[in-house]
Every structure is written in structure tokens, then in C-alpha cells.
PDB file of N, CA and C in Angstrom:
ATOM      1  N   MET A   1     144.169  86.043 -33.600  1.00  0.00           N
ATOM      2  CA  MET A   1     143.745  87.398 -34.061  1.00  0.00           C
ATOM      3  C   MET A   1     142.346  87.743 -33.522  1.00  0.00           C
ATOM      4  N   TRP A   2     142.300  89.033 -33.154  1.00  0.00           N
ATOM      5  CA  TRP A   2     140.939  89.498 -32.667  1.00  0.00           C
ATOM      6  C   TRP A   2     139.996  89.639 -33.743  1.00  0.00           C
ATOM      7  N   THR A   3     138.873  89.086 -33.668  1.00  0.00           N
ATOM      8  CA  THR A   3     137.863  89.319 -34.759  1.00  0.00           C
ATOM      9  C   THR A   3     136.815  90.403 -34.434  1.00  0.00           C
ATOM     10  N   ASP A   4     136.899  90.917 -33.198  1.00  0.00           N
ATOM     11  CA  ASP A   4     135.971  91.881 -32.796  1.00  0.00           C
ATOM     12  C   ASP A   4     136.689  93.204 -32.607  1.00  0.00           C
ATOM     13  N   ASN A   5     136.731  93.921 -33.666  1.00  0.00           N
ATOM     14  CA  ASN A   5     137.559  95.208 -33.562  1.00  0.00           C
ATOM     15  C   ASN A   5     137.094  96.258 -32.543  1.00  0.00           C
ATOM     16  N   GLY A   6     135.780  96.208 -32.204  1.00  0.00           N
ATOM     17  CA  GLY A   6     135.242  97.126 -31.268  1.00  0.00           C
ATOM     18  C   GLY A   6     135.706  96.737 -29.893  1.00  0.00           C
ATOM     19  N   SER A   7     135.795  95.420 -29.649  1.00  0.00           N
ATOM     20  CA  SER A   7     136.225  95.052 -28.259  1.00  0.00           C
ATOM     21  C   SER A   7     137.713  95.369 -28.149  1.00  0.00           C
ATOM     22  N   ALA A   8     138.498  95.066 -29.239  1.00  0.00           N
ATOM     23  CA  ALA A   8     139.961  95.287 -29.216  1.00  0.00           C
ATOM     24  C   ALA A   8     140.167  96.876 -28.895  1.00  0.00           C
ATOM     25  N   LEU A   9     139.490  97.595 -29.513  1.00  0.00           N
ATOM     26  CA  LEU A   9     139.595  99.054 -29.406  1.00  0.00           C
ATOM     27  C   LEU A   9     139.205  99.500 -27.910  1.00  0.00           C
ATOM     28  N   ASP A  10     138.233  98.888 -27.382  1.00  0.00           N
ATOM     29  CA  ASP A  10     137.826  99.133 -25.897  1.00  0.00           C
ATOM     30  C   ASP A  10     139.046  98.763 -25.084  1.00  0.00           C
ATOM     31  N   ILE A  11     139.608  97.522 -25.319  1.00  0.00           N
ATOM     32  CA  ILE A  11     140.644  97.044 -24.490  1.00  0.00           C
ATOM     33  C   ILE A  11     141.797  98.041 -24.576  1.00  0.00           C
ATOM     34  N   LEU A  12     142.255  98.398 -25.685  1.00  0.00           N
ATOM     35  CA  LEU A  12     143.322  99.377 -25.964  1.00  0.00           C
ATOM     36  C   LEU A  12     143.029 100.709 -25.294  1.00  0.00           C
ATOM     37  N   ASN A  13     141.860 101.087 -25.406  1.00  0.00           N
ATOM     38  CA  ASN A  13     141.568 102.551 -24.803  1.00  0.00           C
ATOM     39  C   ASN A  13     141.545 102.412 -23.213  1.00  0.00           C
ATOM     40  N   ALA A  14     140.982 101.381 -22.719  1.00  0.00           N
ATOM     41  CA  ALA A  14     140.996 101.194 -21.228  1.00  0.00           C
ATOM     42  C   ALA A  14     142.401 101.103 -20.723  1.00  0.00           C
ATOM     43  N   ALA A  15     143.215 100.303 -21.397  1.00  0.00           N
ATOM     44  CA  ALA A  15     144.702 100.181 -20.917  1.00  0.00           C
ATOM     45  C   ALA A  15     145.419 101.552 -21.020  1.00  0.00           C
ATOM     46  N   LEU A  16     145.141 102.350 -22.084  1.00  0.00           N
ATOM     47  CA  LEU A  16     145.858 103.566 -22.258  1.00  0.00           C
ATOM     48  C   LEU A  16     145.359 104.506 -21.087  1.00  0.00           C
ATOM     49  N   ARG A  17     144.029 104.555 -20.833  1.00  0.00           N
ATOM     50  CA  ARG A  17     143.522 105.459 -19.715  1.00  0.00           C
ATOM     51  C   ARG A  17     144.131 105.067 -18.421  1.00  0.00           C
ATOM     52  N   ILE A  18     144.199 103.772 -18.147  1.00  0.00           N
ATOM     53  CA  ILE A  18     144.800 103.316 -16.893  1.00  0.00           C
ATOM     54  C   ILE A  18     146.208 103.859 -16.811  1.00  0.00           C
ATOM     55  N   ARG A  19     147.017 103.684 -17.920  1.00  0.00           N
ATOM     56  CA  ARG A  19     148.373 104.269 -17.850  1.00  0.00           C
ATOM     57  C   ARG A  19     148.411 105.771 -17.622  1.00  0.00           C
ATOM     58  N   GLU A  20     147.478 106.502 -18.229  1.00  0.00           N
ATOM     59  CA  GLU A  20     147.480 107.958 -18.125  1.00  0.00           C
ATOM     60  C   GLU A  20     147.166 108.300 -16.609  1.00  0.00           C
ATOM     61  N   PHE A  21     146.304 107.522 -15.995  1.00  0.00           N
ATOM     62  CA  PHE A  21     145.930 107.778 -14.601  1.00  0.00           C
ATOM     63  C   PHE A  21     147.079 107.686 -13.602  1.00  0.00           C
ATOM     64  N   VAL A  22     147.980 106.588 -13.902  1.00  0.00           N
ATOM     65  CA  VAL A  22     149.008 106.368 -12.809  1.00  0.00           C
ATOM     66  C   VAL A  22     150.402 106.849 -13.219  1.00  0.00           C
ATOM     67  N   VAL A  23     150.524 107.333 -14.455  1.00  0.00           N
ATOM     68  CA  VAL A  23     151.932 107.686 -14.817  1.00  0.00           C
ATOM     69  C   VAL A  23     152.330 108.940 -13.803  1.00  0.00           C
ATOM     70  N   GLY A  24     153.534 108.848 -13.373  1.00  0.00           N
ATOM     71  CA  GLY A  24     154.016 109.866 -12.543  1.00  0.00           C
ATOM     72  C   GLY A  24     153.715 109.658 -11.038  1.00  0.00           C
ATOM     73  N   LEU A  25     152.813 108.696 -10.707  1.00  0.00           N
ATOM     74  CA  LEU A  25     152.413 108.540  -9.264  1.00  0.00           C
ATOM     75  C   LEU A  25     153.381 107.434  -8.715  1.00  0.00           C
ATOM     76  N   THR A  26     153.735 107.573  -7.554  1.00  0.00           N
ATOM     77  CA  THR A  26     154.438 106.522  -6.767  1.00  0.00           C
ATOM     78  C   THR A  26     153.271 105.617  -6.245  1.00  0.00           C
ATOM     79  N   ARG A  27     153.704 104.489  -5.759  1.00  0.00           N
ATOM     80  CA  ARG A  27     152.695 103.499  -5.267  1.00  0.00           C
ATOM     81  C   ARG A  27     152.133 104.130  -4.077  1.00  0.00           C
ATOM     82  N   ALA A  28     152.831 104.794  -3.236  1.00  0.00           N
ATOM     83  CA  ALA A  28     152.307 105.437  -2.049  1.00  0.00           C
ATOM     84  C   ALA A  28     151.327 106.524  -2.383  1.00  0.00           C
ATOM     85  N   GLN A  29     151.556 107.303  -3.421  1.00  0.00           N
ATOM     86  CA  GLN A  29     150.531 108.253  -3.939  1.00  0.00           C
ATOM     87  C   GLN A  29     149.288 107.646  -4.401  1.00  0.00           C
ATOM     88  N   PHE A  30     149.538 106.528  -5.156  1.00  0.00           N
ATOM     89  CA  PHE A  30     148.235 105.880  -5.679  1.00  0.00           C
ATOM     90  C   PHE A  30     147.520 105.262  -4.563  1.00  0.00           C
ATOM     91  N   ASP A  31     148.136 104.781  -3.574  1.00  0.00           N
ATOM     92  CA  ASP A  31     147.454 104.059  -2.437  1.00  0.00           C
ATOM     93  C   ASP A  31     146.652 105.101  -1.572  1.00  0.00           C
ATOM     94  N   THR A  32     146.959 106.362  -1.676  1.00  0.00           N
ATOM     95  CA  THR A  32     146.252 107.431  -0.929  1.00  0.00           C
ATOM     96  C   THR A  32     145.245 108.171  -1.719  1.00  0.00           C
ATOM     97  N   ASP A  33     145.243 107.902  -3.022  1.00  0.00           N
ATOM     98  CA  ASP A  33     144.334 108.750  -3.958  1.00  0.00           C
ATOM     99  C   ASP A  33     143.208 107.865  -4.334  1.00  0.00           C
ATOM    100  N   LEU A  34     142.070 108.045  -3.680  1.00  0.00           N
ATOM    101  CA  LEU A  34     140.898 107.229  -3.843  1.00  0.00           C
ATOM    102  C   LEU A  34     140.165 107.587  -5.288  1.00  0.00           C
ATOM    103  N   ARG A  35     140.377 108.793  -5.701  1.00  0.00           N
ATOM    104  CA  ARG A  35     139.843 109.172  -6.995  1.00  0.00           C
ATOM    105  C   ARG A  35     140.552 108.390  -8.225  1.00  0.00           C
ATOM    106  N   THR A  36     141.822 108.321  -8.047  1.00  0.00           N
ATOM    107  CA  THR A  36     142.670 107.655  -9.134  1.00  0.00           C
ATOM    108  C   THR A  36     142.454 106.105  -8.982  1.00  0.00           C
ATOM    109  N   GLN A  37     142.341 105.600  -7.746  1.00  0.00           N
ATOM    110  CA  GLN A  37     141.989 104.207  -7.591  1.00  0.00           C
ATOM    111  C   GLN A  37     140.705 103.821  -8.307  1.00  0.00           C
ATOM    112  N   SER A  38     139.676 104.670  -7.997  1.00  0.00           N
ATOM    113  CA  SER A  38     138.324 104.356  -8.564  1.00  0.00           C
ATOM    114  C   SER A  38     138.363 104.501 -10.091  1.00  0.00           C
ATOM    115  N   ALA A  39     139.092 105.464 -10.625  1.00  0.00           N
ATOM    116  CA  ALA A  39     139.172 105.494 -12.076  1.00  0.00           C
ATOM    117  C   ALA A  39     139.807 104.379 -12.733  1.00  0.00           C
ATOM    118  N   VAL A  40     140.977 103.851 -12.030  1.00  0.00           N
ATOM    119  CA  VAL A  40     141.706 102.703 -12.561  1.00  0.00           C
ATOM    120  C   VAL A  40     140.730 101.427 -12.498  1.00  0.00           C
ATOM    121  N   LEU A  41     140.159 101.293 -11.334  1.00  0.00           N
ATOM    122  CA  LEU A  41     139.171 100.152 -11.143  1.00  0.00           C
ATOM    123  C   LEU A  41     138.155 100.134 -12.267  1.00  0.00           C
ATOM    124  N   HIS A  42     137.551 101.278 -12.465  1.00  0.00           N
ATOM    125  CA  HIS A  42     136.433 101.451 -13.553  1.00  0.00           C
ATOM    126  C   HIS A  42     136.983 100.983 -14.910  1.00  0.00           C
ATOM    127  N   HIS A  43     138.163 101.293 -15.186  1.00  0.00           N
ATOM    128  CA  HIS A  43     138.716 100.949 -16.515  1.00  0.00           C
ATOM    129  C   HIS A  43     139.143  99.503 -16.521  1.00  0.00           C
ATOM    130  N   ILE A  44     139.502  98.960 -15.424  1.00  0.00           N
ATOM    131  CA  ILE A  44     139.833  97.438 -15.337  1.00  0.00           C
ATOM    132  C   ILE A  44     138.590  96.751 -15.601  1.00  0.00           C
ATOM    133  N   ILE A  45     137.485  97.206 -15.055  1.00  0.00           N
ATOM    134  CA  ILE A  45     136.203  96.577 -15.372  1.00  0.00           C
ATOM    135  C   ILE A  45     135.786  96.663 -16.811  1.00  0.00           C
ATOM    136  N   ILE A  46     135.947  97.855 -17.476  1.00  0.00           N
ATOM    137  CA  ILE A  46     135.736  97.961 -18.848  1.00  0.00           C
ATOM    138  C   ILE A  46     136.564  97.038 -19.683  1.00  0.00           C
ATOM    139  N   LEU A  47     137.816  96.938 -19.316  1.00  0.00           N
ATOM    140  CA  LEU A  47     138.787  96.059 -19.948  1.00  0.00           C
ATOM    141  C   LEU A  47     138.287  94.574 -19.904  1.00  0.00           C
ATOM    142  N   GLY A  48     137.904  94.156 -18.808  1.00  0.00           N
ATOM    143  CA  GLY A  48     137.422  92.822 -18.456  1.00  0.00           C
ATOM    144  C   GLY A  48     136.096  92.510 -19.319  1.00  0.00           C
ATOM    145  N   GLU A  49     135.241  93.509 -19.316  1.00  0.00           N
ATOM    146  CA  GLU A  49     134.047  93.309 -20.083  1.00  0.00           C
ATOM    147  C   GLU A  49     134.284  93.206 -21.598  1.00  0.00           C
ATOM    148  N   ALA A  50     135.179  93.944 -21.970  1.00  0.00           N
ATOM    149  CA  ALA A  50     135.666  93.920 -23.447  1.00  0.00           C
ATOM    150  C   ALA A  50     136.283  92.576 -23.737  1.00  0.00           C
ATOM    151  N   VAL A  51     137.119  92.028 -22.873  1.00  0.00           N
ATOM    152  CA  VAL A  51     137.759  90.704 -23.136  1.00  0.00           C
ATOM    153  C   VAL A  51     136.707  89.677 -23.130  1.00  0.00           C
ATOM    154  N   LYS A  52     135.620  89.663 -22.430  1.00  0.00           N
ATOM    155  CA  LYS A  52     134.561  88.792 -22.490  1.00  0.00           C
ATOM    156  C   LYS A  52     133.925  88.724 -23.884  1.00  0.00           C
ATOM    157  N   ARG A  53     133.978  89.826 -24.578  1.00  0.00           N
ATOM    158  CA  ARG A  53     133.136  89.965 -25.793  1.00  0.00           C
ATOM    159  C   ARG A  53     133.961  89.533 -27.072  1.00  0.00           C
ATOM    160  N   LEU A  54     135.288  89.343 -26.759  1.00  0.00           N
ATOM    161  CA  LEU A  54     136.076  88.773 -27.846  1.00  0.00           C
ATOM    162  C   LEU A  54     135.770  87.380 -28.400  1.00  0.00           C
ATOM    163  N   ALA A  55     135.742  87.310 -29.634  1.00  0.00           N
ATOM    164  CA  ALA A  55     135.432  85.885 -30.239  1.00  0.00           C
ATOM    165  C   ALA A  55     136.757  85.095 -30.328  1.00  0.00           C
ATOM    166  N   ILE A  56     137.006  84.256 -29.434  1.00  0.00           N
ATOM    167  CA  ILE A  56     138.122  83.385 -29.360  1.00  0.00           C
ATOM    168  C   ILE A  56     137.822  82.010 -29.834  1.00  0.00           C
ATOM    169  N   PRO A  57     138.555  81.547 -30.868  1.00  0.00           N
ATOM    170  CA  PRO A  57     138.365  80.195 -31.327  1.00  0.00           C
ATOM    171  C   PRO A  57     138.547  79.169 -30.290  1.00  0.00           C
ATOM    172  N   SER A  58     137.647  78.134 -30.345  1.00  0.00           N
ATOM    173  CA  SER A  58     137.812  77.030 -29.447  1.00  0.00           C
ATOM    174  C   SER A  58     139.164  76.325 -29.528  1.00  0.00           C
ATOM    175  N   MET A  59     139.684  75.976 -28.352  1.00  0.00           N
ATOM    176  CA  MET A  59     141.022  75.182 -28.350  1.00  0.00           C
ATOM    177  C   MET A  59     140.742  73.752 -28.445  1.00  0.00           C
ATOM    178  N   PHE A  60     139.583  73.263 -28.448  1.00  0.00           N
ATOM    179  CA  PHE A  60     139.178  71.850 -28.445  1.00  0.00           C
ATOM    180  C   PHE A  60     138.614  71.456 -29.841  1.00  0.00           C
TER     181      PHE A  60
END
């Protein structure tokens, strides 16, 4: 269970934004659209930073 609600919300929002950016695009369209690529990359970075902030119990 996620203990950091803010991080969980950031993860959800970033994932939703990524989906909004690419919905309806073909791979070829995405590959030639630098603006969309940049937006998706930006939100992947946000998602990764939020994951690092999650409090995950130790497995050991």
C-alpha cells in the first residue's frame, strides 16, 4: 500500500497526462511529433521522481 498519497497522486496524474498526449496518435505520428515526445518524456520524469518518493517497506 502506498503511504505517500501525494506521490501516488503525482504518479496517477503523470500517467493520465501521458495517455492524453498519445491517445489517437499512431506510432509514426508520435515519432515525428517532437512536442508530444517532449511532453511525454517530461511526465515520465515526473512519474519516476514520484516513484522515488514512495515509502516502500524493506523486503529484508
